[in-house]
Amino acid sequence: MNLPQTDTPLFNRLRFVLVETSRPGNIGAAARAIKNMGFSELVLVNPRFADAAQQEEAVAFASGANDVLASARIVGSIEEALLDCNYAAAVTARLREFSPPVISPRTLATRLNEETTLRAAVVFGNERFGLPNEIVEKCNVLINIPANPDYSSLNLAQAIQVVAYEARMASIGETLAVNPTIGFQGEAAGRTQIDGMYTHLEQALVAIDFLDADNPKKLMPRLKRLFSRTQLETEEVNILRGIAKQILAKCKK
């Protein structure tokens, strides 16, 4: 058995196994969910149609995840699907009296990310009947998605998306990659700049009689409290000072 090295990222150590899937569209939707979260390994155990991954419905539902569909392996048994894996998790809404330990998708994802020698498979059952007991018993844990108990039925792609999302978040952490071309990434204003802006703004407010210099009450402290929550940038401070300058100029005319 070829086990992964300890530096292998989770994206290369986790496969998604679908057992006896009936609808090609669900296989396509599964491929899309997997690729959305950065995973790529899909294994189909005895799908209803031998060419399920190539059918028009599967391609349509994959919505661009054609590479995942094209590389999907079709096998004849769960043993083949779990080959080279040393950890398996069964996803089911139906809890069993005799089953492996039950954990959440988040707990699973954390474990897989931390224990880097694990090459894991997450196993999903047929759309109507779920997973049979003999397959659940081959798995190390049973994954139960804590959905609304009054309506806990997720479709196949939804369940895969939940597990794949948790695995992705465990792998990349809470610090998300931000495209530097999107949004403002200005330099934070310094204390001297901000204090100068407050002085300038106060002068402008006095000039338009919005602030009574002899009885200022708590207007300026409240404005300072407001701006302190915004993490002002240098350009923003300059804009506010520009507004104050124009107000003062108009008032002198």
C-alpha atoms as a PDB file:
ATOM      1  CA  MET A   1       0.000   0.000   0.000  1.00  0.00           C
ATOM      2  CA  ASN A   2       1.416   3.377  -0.985  1.00  0.00           C
ATOM      3  CA  LEU A   3       0.672   5.720   1.892  1.00  0.00           C
ATOM      4  CA  PRO A   4       1.127   9.470   1.457  1.00  0.00           C
ATOM      5  CA  GLN A   5       4.107  11.336   2.815  1.00  0.00           C
ATOM      6  CA  THR A   6       3.527  13.636   5.767  1.00  0.00           C
ATOM      7  CA  ASP A   7       3.777  16.748   3.581  1.00  0.00           C
ATOM      8  CA  THR A   8       1.006  15.690   1.178  1.00  0.00           C
ATOM      9  CA  PRO A   9      -1.832  18.255   1.287  1.00  0.00           C
ATOM     10  CA  LEU A  10      -5.333  17.109   2.093  1.00  0.00           C
ATOM     11  CA  PHE A  11      -6.471  17.988  -1.430  1.00  0.00           C
ATOM     12  CA  ASN A  12      -4.323  15.082  -2.670  1.00  0.00           C
ATOM     13  CA  ARG A  13      -5.241  12.658   0.116  1.00  0.00           C
ATOM     14  CA  LEU A  14      -9.036  12.684   0.005  1.00  0.00           C
ATOM     15  CA  ARG A  15     -11.216  10.823  -2.475  1.00  0.00           C
ATOM     16  CA  PHE A  16     -14.977  10.845  -2.835  1.00  0.00           C
ATOM     17  CA  VAL A  17     -16.673   7.496  -3.399  1.00  0.00           C
ATOM     18  CA  LEU A  18     -20.236   7.195  -4.725  1.00  0.00           C
ATOM     19  CA  VAL A  19     -21.919   3.808  -4.338  1.00  0.00           C
ATOM     20  CA  GLU A  20     -24.542   2.620  -6.849  1.00  0.00           C
ATOM     21  CA  THR A  21     -25.527   6.110  -7.957  1.00  0.00           C
ATOM     22  CA  SER A  22     -28.722   6.045 -10.033  1.00  0.00           C
ATOM     23  CA  ARG A  23     -28.764   9.392 -11.829  1.00  0.00           C
ATOM     24  CA  PRO A  24     -25.939  10.580 -14.081  1.00  0.00           C
ATOM     25  CA  GLY A  25     -26.953  14.128 -13.169  1.00  0.00           C
ATOM     26  CA  ASN A  26     -26.089  13.467  -9.549  1.00  0.00           C
ATOM     27  CA  ILE A  27     -22.647  12.257 -10.576  1.00  0.00           C
ATOM     28  CA  GLY A  28     -22.157  15.452 -12.557  1.00  0.00           C
ATOM     29  CA  ALA A  29     -23.339  17.590  -9.638  1.00  0.00           C
ATOM     30  CA  ALA A  30     -20.998  15.673  -7.342  1.00  0.00           C
ATOM     31  CA  ALA A  31     -18.068  16.405  -9.664  1.00  0.00           C
ATOM     32  CA  ARG A  32     -18.956  20.086  -9.597  1.00  0.00           C
ATOM     33  CA  ALA A  33     -19.139  20.154  -5.788  1.00  0.00           C
ATOM     34  CA  ILE A  34     -15.790  18.382  -5.500  1.00  0.00           C
ATOM     35  CA  LYS A  35     -14.031  20.702  -7.945  1.00  0.00           C
ATOM     36  CA  ASN A  36     -15.568  23.804  -6.340  1.00  0.00           C
ATOM     37  CA  MET A  37     -13.669  22.963  -3.165  1.00  0.00           C
ATOM     38  CA  GLY A  38     -10.386  22.045  -4.847  1.00  0.00           C
ATOM     39  CA  PHE A  39     -10.636  18.238  -4.844  1.00  0.00           C
ATOM     40  CA  SER A  40     -10.493  15.981  -7.872  1.00  0.00           C
ATOM     41  CA  GLU A  41     -10.581  12.267  -7.043  1.00  0.00           C
ATOM     42  CA  LEU A  42     -13.970  10.667  -7.742  1.00  0.00           C
ATOM     43  CA  VAL A  43     -14.640   6.920  -7.659  1.00  0.00           C
ATOM     44  CA  LEU A  44     -17.935   5.324  -8.724  1.00  0.00           C
ATOM     45  CA  VAL A  45     -18.914   1.931  -7.360  1.00  0.00           C
ATOM     46  CA  ASN A  46     -21.338   0.077  -9.653  1.00  0.00           C
ATOM     47  CA  PRO A  47     -23.236   3.112 -10.970  1.00  0.00           C
ATOM     48  CA  ARG A  48     -26.543   2.302 -12.619  1.00  0.00           C
ATOM     49  CA  PHE A  49     -25.113   3.156 -16.047  1.00  0.00           C
ATOM     50  CA  ALA A  50     -21.643   1.989 -17.035  1.00  0.00           C
ATOM     51  CA  ASP A  51     -21.025   5.224 -18.941  1.00  0.00           C
ATOM     52  CA  ALA A  52     -22.720   7.416 -16.333  1.00  0.00           C
ATOM     53  CA  ALA A  53     -19.874   9.942 -16.129  1.00  0.00           C
ATOM     54  CA  GLN A  54     -19.981  10.524 -19.904  1.00  0.00           C
ATOM     55  CA  GLN A  55     -23.724  10.889 -20.281  1.00  0.00           C
ATOM     56  CA  GLU A  56     -25.136  14.231 -21.384  1.00  0.00           C
ATOM     57  CA  GLU A  57     -26.949  14.761 -18.097  1.00  0.00           C
ATOM     58  CA  ALA A  58     -23.754  14.237 -16.083  1.00  0.00           C
ATOM     59  CA  VAL A  59     -21.811  16.682 -18.245  1.00  0.00           C
ATOM     60  CA  ALA A  60     -24.573  19.282 -17.984  1.00  0.00           C
ATOM     61  CA  PHE A  61     -24.774  19.037 -14.192  1.00  0.00           C
ATOM     62  CA  ALA A  62     -20.983  19.104 -13.851  1.00  0.00           C
ATOM     63  CA  SER A  63     -21.104  22.650 -15.236  1.00  0.00           C
ATOM     64  CA  GLY A  64     -17.450  22.780 -16.249  1.00  0.00           C
ATOM     65  CA  ALA A  65     -16.013  20.118 -13.935  1.00  0.00           C
ATOM     66  CA  ASN A  66     -15.452  17.884 -16.980  1.00  0.00           C
ATOM     67  CA  ASP A  67     -11.915  17.033 -15.905  1.00  0.00           C
ATOM     68  CA  VAL A  68     -13.222  15.469 -12.687  1.00  0.00           C
ATOM     69  CA  LEU A  69     -15.778  13.456 -14.670  1.00  0.00           C
ATOM     70  CA  ALA A  70     -13.191  12.353 -17.224  1.00  0.00           C
ATOM     71  CA  SER A  71     -10.823  11.089 -14.545  1.00  0.00           C
ATOM     72  CA  ALA A  72     -13.531   9.382 -12.447  1.00  0.00           C
ATOM     73  CA  ARG A  73     -12.824   5.679 -11.932  1.00  0.00           C
ATOM     74  CA  ILE A  74     -15.555   3.063 -12.087  1.00  0.00           C
ATOM     75  CA  VAL A  75     -14.997  -0.009  -9.913  1.00  0.00           C
ATOM     76  CA  GLY A  76     -17.005  -3.088  -9.082  1.00  0.00           C
ATOM     77  CA  SER A  77     -16.739  -3.158  -5.297  1.00  0.00           C
ATOM     78  CA  ILE A  78     -16.160  -1.030  -2.246  1.00  0.00           C
ATOM     79  CA  GLU A  79     -12.901  -2.906  -1.678  1.00  0.00           C
ATOM     80  CA  GLU A  80     -11.591  -1.618  -5.000  1.00  0.00           C
ATOM     81  CA  ALA A  81     -12.806   1.885  -4.206  1.00  0.00           C
ATOM     82  CA  LEU A  82     -10.912   1.907  -0.895  1.00  0.00           C
ATOM     83  CA  LEU A  83      -7.719   0.485  -2.341  1.00  0.00           C
ATOM     84  CA  ASP A  84      -4.668   2.403  -1.042  1.00  0.00           C
ATOM     85  CA  CYS A  85      -6.805   4.166   1.578  1.00  0.00           C
ATOM     86  CA  ASN A  86      -6.085   3.704   5.266  1.00  0.00           C
ATOM     87  CA  TYR A  87      -9.139   5.599   6.500  1.00  0.00           C
ATOM     88  CA  ALA A  88     -12.771   5.652   5.363  1.00  0.00           C
ATOM     89  CA  ALA A  89     -15.805   7.638   6.447  1.00  0.00           C
ATOM     90  CA  ALA A  90     -19.391   6.711   5.579  1.00  0.00           C
ATOM     91  CA  VAL A  91     -21.871   9.564   5.155  1.00  0.00           C
ATOM     92  CA  THR A  92     -25.430   8.695   6.112  1.00  0.00           C
ATOM     93  CA  ALA A  93     -28.481  10.317   7.634  1.00  0.00           C
ATOM     94  CA  ARG A  94     -29.585   6.981   9.088  1.00  0.00           C
ATOM     95  CA  LEU A  95     -27.815   6.114  12.311  1.00  0.00           C
ATOM     96  CA  ARG A  96     -27.241   2.419  13.026  1.00  0.00           C
ATOM     97  CA  GLU A  97     -27.384   0.550  16.308  1.00  0.00           C
ATOM     98  CA  PHE A  98     -24.055  -1.084  15.527  1.00  0.00           C
ATOM     99  CA  SER A  99     -21.910   1.340  13.628  1.00  0.00           C
ATOM    100  CA  PRO A 100     -18.516   3.012  13.755  1.00  0.00           C
ATOM    101  CA  PRO A 101     -18.177   6.138  15.914  1.00  0.00           C
ATOM    102  CA  VAL A 102     -20.362   9.011  14.715  1.00  0.00           C
ATOM    103  CA  ILE A 103     -18.644  12.355  14.081  1.00  0.00           C
ATOM    104  CA  SER A 104     -19.469  15.593  12.260  1.00  0.00           C
ATOM    105  CA  PRO A 105     -18.023  16.658   8.896  1.00  0.00           C
ATOM    106  CA  ARG A 106     -15.990  19.339  10.671  1.00  0.00           C
ATOM    107  CA  THR A 107     -14.465  16.856  13.083  1.00  0.00           C
ATOM    108  CA  LEU A 108     -13.598  14.579  10.191  1.00  0.00           C
ATOM    109  CA  ALA A 109     -12.001  17.410   8.241  1.00  0.00           C
ATOM    110  CA  THR A 110      -9.921  18.521  11.213  1.00  0.00           C
ATOM    111  CA  ARG A 111      -8.696  14.987  11.834  1.00  0.00           C
ATOM    112  CA  LEU A 112      -7.749  14.398   8.215  1.00  0.00           C
ATOM    113  CA  ASN A 113      -5.906  17.695   8.006  1.00  0.00           C
ATOM    114  CA  GLU A 114      -3.961  17.113  11.205  1.00  0.00           C
ATOM    115  CA  GLU A 115      -3.139  13.423  10.682  1.00  0.00           C
ATOM    116  CA  THR A 116      -1.226  13.791   7.448  1.00  0.00           C
ATOM    117  CA  THR A 117      -0.457  10.090   7.041  1.00  0.00           C
ATOM    118  CA  LEU A 118      -4.140   9.403   6.411  1.00  0.00           C
ATOM    119  CA  ARG A 119      -5.252   8.801   2.839  1.00  0.00           C
ATOM    120  CA  ALA A 120      -9.004   8.912   3.203  1.00  0.00           C
ATOM    121  CA  ALA A 121     -12.181   8.100   1.340  1.00  0.00           C
ATOM    122  CA  VAL A 122     -15.577   9.618   2.066  1.00  0.00           C
ATOM    123  CA  VAL A 123     -18.285   7.193   0.986  1.00  0.00           C
ATOM    124  CA  PHE A 124     -21.779   8.220  -0.122  1.00  0.00           C
ATOM    125  CA  GLY A 125     -24.649   5.837  -0.813  1.00  0.00           C
ATOM    126  CA  ASN A 126     -27.428   5.485  -3.336  1.00  0.00           C
ATOM    127  CA  GLU A 127     -29.833   8.445  -3.595  1.00  0.00           C
ATOM    128  CA  ARG A 128     -32.826   6.423  -2.389  1.00  0.00           C
ATOM    129  CA  PHE A 129     -31.406   3.721  -0.145  1.00  0.00           C
ATOM    130  CA  GLY A 130     -28.194   5.172   1.248  1.00  0.00           C
ATOM    131  CA  LEU A 131     -25.398   2.858   2.295  1.00  0.00           C
ATOM    132  CA  PRO A 132     -25.929  -0.791   3.262  1.00  0.00           C
ATOM    133  CA  ASN A 133     -24.678  -1.942   6.649  1.00  0.00           C
ATOM    134  CA  GLU A 134     -21.922  -4.087   5.156  1.00  0.00           C
ATOM    135  CA  ILE A 135     -20.292  -1.004   3.622  1.00  0.00           C
ATOM    136  CA  VAL A 136     -20.764   1.145   6.730  1.00  0.00           C
ATOM    137  CA  GLU A 137     -19.041  -1.540   8.761  1.00  0.00           C
ATOM    138  CA  LYS A 138     -15.949  -1.274   6.563  1.00  0.00           C
ATOM    139  CA  CYS A 139     -15.535   2.392   7.483  1.00  0.00           C
ATOM    140  CA  ASN A 140     -13.672   3.879  10.432  1.00  0.00           C
ATOM    141  CA  VAL A 141     -16.309   6.491  11.234  1.00  0.00           C
ATOM    142  CA  LEU A 142     -19.848   7.405  10.324  1.00  0.00           C
ATOM    143  CA  ILE A 143     -20.477  11.020   9.279  1.00  0.00           C
ATOM    144  CA  ASN A 144     -23.801  12.548  10.205  1.00  0.00           C
ATOM    145  CA  ILE A 145     -24.522  16.064   8.911  1.00  0.00           C
ATOM    146  CA  PRO A 146     -26.364  17.963  11.685  1.00  0.00           C
ATOM    147  CA  ALA A 147     -29.231  19.212   9.543  1.00  0.00           C
ATOM    148  CA  ASN A 148     -32.688  20.323  10.664  1.00  0.00           C
ATOM    149  CA  PRO A 149     -34.108  17.259  12.463  1.00  0.00           C
ATOM    150  CA  ASP A 150     -37.560  18.008  11.067  1.00  0.00           C
ATOM    151  CA  TYR A 151     -36.203  17.878   7.507  1.00  0.00           C
ATOM    152  CA  SER A 152     -32.756  16.321   7.407  1.00  0.00           C
ATOM    153  CA  SER A 153     -32.796  14.942   3.868  1.00  0.00           C
ATOM    154  CA  LEU A 154     -29.956  16.357   1.776  1.00  0.00           C
ATOM    155  CA  ASN A 155     -29.489  15.394  -1.824  1.00  0.00           C
ATOM    156  CA  LEU A 156     -26.248  13.713  -2.833  1.00  0.00           C
ATOM    157  CA  ALA A 157     -24.476  16.805  -4.173  1.00  0.00           C
ATOM    158  CA  GLN A 158     -25.459  18.852  -1.115  1.00  0.00           C
ATOM    159  CA  ALA A 159     -23.977  16.262   1.240  1.00  0.00           C
ATOM    160  CA  ILE A 160     -20.781  16.124  -0.806  1.00  0.00           C
ATOM    161  CA  GLN A 161     -20.557  19.918  -0.833  1.00  0.00           C
ATOM    162  CA  VAL A 162     -20.814  20.084   2.965  1.00  0.00           C
ATOM    163  CA  VAL A 163     -18.041  17.536   3.487  1.00  0.00           C
ATOM    164  CA  ALA A 164     -15.805  19.029   0.779  1.00  0.00           C
ATOM    165  CA  TYR A 165     -16.289  22.538   2.172  1.00  0.00           C
ATOM    166  CA  GLU A 166     -15.315  21.490   5.689  1.00  0.00           C
ATOM    167  CA  ALA A 167     -12.256  19.693   4.308  1.00  0.00           C
ATOM    168  CA  ARG A 168     -11.237  22.783   2.370  1.00  0.00           C
ATOM    169  CA  MET A 169     -11.643  25.083   5.353  1.00  0.00           C
ATOM    170  CA  ALA A 170      -9.633  22.725   7.552  1.00  0.00           C
ATOM    171  CA  SER A 171      -6.884  22.744   4.957  1.00  0.00           C
ATOM    172  CA  ILE A 172      -6.647  26.462   4.151  1.00  0.00           C
ATOM    173  CA  GLY A 173      -7.723  27.858   7.527  1.00  0.00           C
ATOM    174  CA  GLU A 174      -9.838  30.924   8.195  1.00  0.00           C
ATOM    175  CA  THR A 175      -7.489  33.269   6.336  1.00  0.00           C
ATOM    176  CA  LEU A 176      -8.985  33.303   2.867  1.00  0.00           C
ATOM    177  CA  ALA A 177      -7.015  34.261  -0.192  1.00  0.00           C
ATOM    178  CA  VAL A 178      -8.011  37.741  -1.345  1.00  0.00           C
ATOM    179  CA  ASN A 179      -7.524  38.954  -4.880  1.00  0.00           C
ATOM    180  CA  PRO A 180      -5.389  42.095  -4.486  1.00  0.00           C
ATOM    181  CA  THR A 181      -7.132  43.702  -7.465  1.00  0.00           C
ATOM    182  CA  ILE A 182     -10.509  43.579  -5.708  1.00  0.00           C
ATOM    183  CA  GLY A 183     -11.478  46.101  -3.049  1.00  0.00           C
ATOM    184  CA  PHE A 184      -9.408  48.879  -1.513  1.00  0.00           C
ATOM    185  CA  GLN A 185      -6.042  47.992  -0.063  1.00  0.00           C
ATOM    186  CA  GLY A 186      -4.967  51.447   1.074  1.00  0.00           C
ATOM    187  CA  GLU A 187      -2.359  52.357   3.647  1.00  0.00           C
ATOM    188  CA  ALA A 188      -3.695  52.759   7.174  1.00  0.00           C
ATOM    189  CA  ALA A 189      -3.731  56.367   8.345  1.00  0.00           C
ATOM    190  CA  GLY A 190      -1.367  57.337  11.137  1.00  0.00           C
ATOM    191  CA  ARG A 191      -2.387  58.853  14.434  1.00  0.00           C
ATOM    192  CA  THR A 192      -1.073  62.299  13.501  1.00  0.00           C
ATOM    193  CA  GLN A 193      -3.017  62.263  10.229  1.00  0.00           C
ATOM    194  CA  ILE A 194      -6.247  61.262  11.979  1.00  0.00           C
ATOM    195  CA  ASP A 195      -5.856  63.870  14.730  1.00  0.00           C
ATOM    196  CA  GLY A 196      -5.279  66.537  12.090  1.00  0.00           C
ATOM    197  CA  MET A 197      -8.441  65.425  10.318  1.00  0.00           C
ATOM    198  CA  TYR A 198     -10.454  65.707  13.547  1.00  0.00           C
ATOM    199  CA  THR A 199      -9.185  69.260  14.101  1.00  0.00           C
ATOM    200  CA  HIS A 200      -9.994  70.230  10.514  1.00  0.00           C
ATOM    201  CA  LEU A 201     -13.459  68.619  10.708  1.00  0.00           C
ATOM    202  CA  GLU A 202     -14.242  70.338  13.992  1.00  0.00           C
ATOM    203  CA  GLN A 203     -13.374  73.719  12.463  1.00  0.00           C
ATOM    204  CA  ALA A 204     -15.708  73.023   9.530  1.00  0.00           C
ATOM    205  CA  LEU A 205     -18.576  71.985  11.799  1.00  0.00           C
ATOM    206  CA  VAL A 206     -18.193  75.157  13.827  1.00  0.00           C
ATOM    207  CA  ALA A 207     -18.151  77.236  10.635  1.00  0.00           C
ATOM    208  CA  ILE A 208     -21.544  75.874   9.506  1.00  0.00           C
ATOM    209  CA  ASP A 209     -22.981  76.200  13.051  1.00  0.00           C
ATOM    210  CA  PHE A 210     -23.447  72.466  13.405  1.00  0.00           C
ATOM    211  CA  LEU A 211     -21.117  72.500  16.411  1.00  0.00           C
ATOM    212  CA  ASP A 212     -21.257  75.139  19.147  1.00  0.00           C
ATOM    213  CA  ALA A 213     -17.645  75.726  20.177  1.00  0.00           C
ATOM    214  CA  ASP A 214     -18.771  77.085  23.567  1.00  0.00           C
ATOM    215  CA  ASN A 215     -21.044  74.105  24.230  1.00  0.00           C
ATOM    216  CA  PRO A 216     -19.712  71.189  22.165  1.00  0.00           C
ATOM    217  CA  LYS A 217     -21.301  68.524  24.348  1.00  0.00           C
ATOM    218  CA  LYS A 218     -20.135  65.108  23.129  1.00  0.00           C
ATOM    219  CA  LEU A 219     -20.282  65.558  19.369  1.00  0.00           C
ATOM    220  CA  MET A 220     -16.573  65.236  18.649  1.00  0.00           C
ATOM    221  CA  PRO A 221     -16.011  62.269  20.995  1.00  0.00           C
ATOM    222  CA  ARG A 222     -18.904  60.484  19.282  1.00  0.00           C
ATOM    223  CA  LEU A 223     -17.513  61.261  15.831  1.00  0.00           C
ATOM    224  CA  LYS A 224     -14.104  59.993  16.912  1.00  0.00           C
ATOM    225  CA  ARG A 225     -15.745  56.814  18.213  1.00  0.00           C
ATOM    226  CA  LEU A 226     -17.547  56.406  14.903  1.00  0.00           C
ATOM    227  CA  PHE A 227     -14.403  56.826  12.794  1.00  0.00           C
ATOM    228  CA  SER A 228     -12.330  54.600  15.080  1.00  0.00           C
ATOM    229  CA  ARG A 229     -14.478  51.650  13.997  1.00  0.00           C
ATOM    230  CA  THR A 230     -13.712  52.225  10.317  1.00  0.00           C
ATOM    231  CA  GLN A 231      -9.923  51.708  10.301  1.00  0.00           C
ATOM    232  CA  LEU A 232      -9.332  54.873   8.312  1.00  0.00           C
ATOM    233  CA  GLU A 233      -6.877  54.842   5.436  1.00  0.00           C
ATOM    234  CA  THR A 234      -4.670  57.769   4.421  1.00  0.00           C
ATOM    235  CA  GLU A 235      -6.694  58.501   1.289  1.00  0.00           C
ATOM    236  CA  GLU A 236      -9.930  58.505   3.288  1.00  0.00           C
ATOM    237  CA  VAL A 237      -8.479  60.967   5.778  1.00  0.00           C
ATOM    238  CA  ASN A 238      -7.428  63.185   2.882  1.00  0.00           C
ATOM    239  CA  ILE A 239     -10.955  63.054   1.439  1.00  0.00           C
ATOM    240  CA  LEU A 240     -12.486  64.121   4.749  1.00  0.00           C
ATOM    241  CA  ARG A 241      -9.976  66.940   5.117  1.00  0.00           C
ATOM    242  CA  GLY A 242     -10.772  68.016   1.561  1.00  0.00           C
ATOM    243  CA  ILE A 243     -14.464  68.211   2.449  1.00  0.00           C
ATOM    244  CA  ALA A 244     -13.651  70.247   5.560  1.00  0.00           C
ATOM    245  CA  LYS A 245     -11.430  72.577   3.506  1.00  0.00           C
ATOM    246  CA  GLN A 246     -14.222  73.231   1.002  1.00  0.00           C
ATOM    247  CA  ILE A 247     -16.717  73.907   3.787  1.00  0.00           C
ATOM    248  CA  LEU A 248     -14.366  76.453   5.361  1.00  0.00           C
ATOM    249  CA  ALA A 249     -13.699  78.087   1.992  1.00  0.00           C
ATOM    250  CA  LYS A 250     -17.433  78.472   1.267  1.00  0.00           C
ATOM    251  CA  CYS A 251     -18.069  79.920   4.709  1.00  0.00           C
ATOM    252  CA  LYS A 252     -15.442  82.644   4.172  1.00  0.00           C
ATOM    253  CA  LYS A 253     -17.192  83.990   1.081  1.00  0.00           C
END
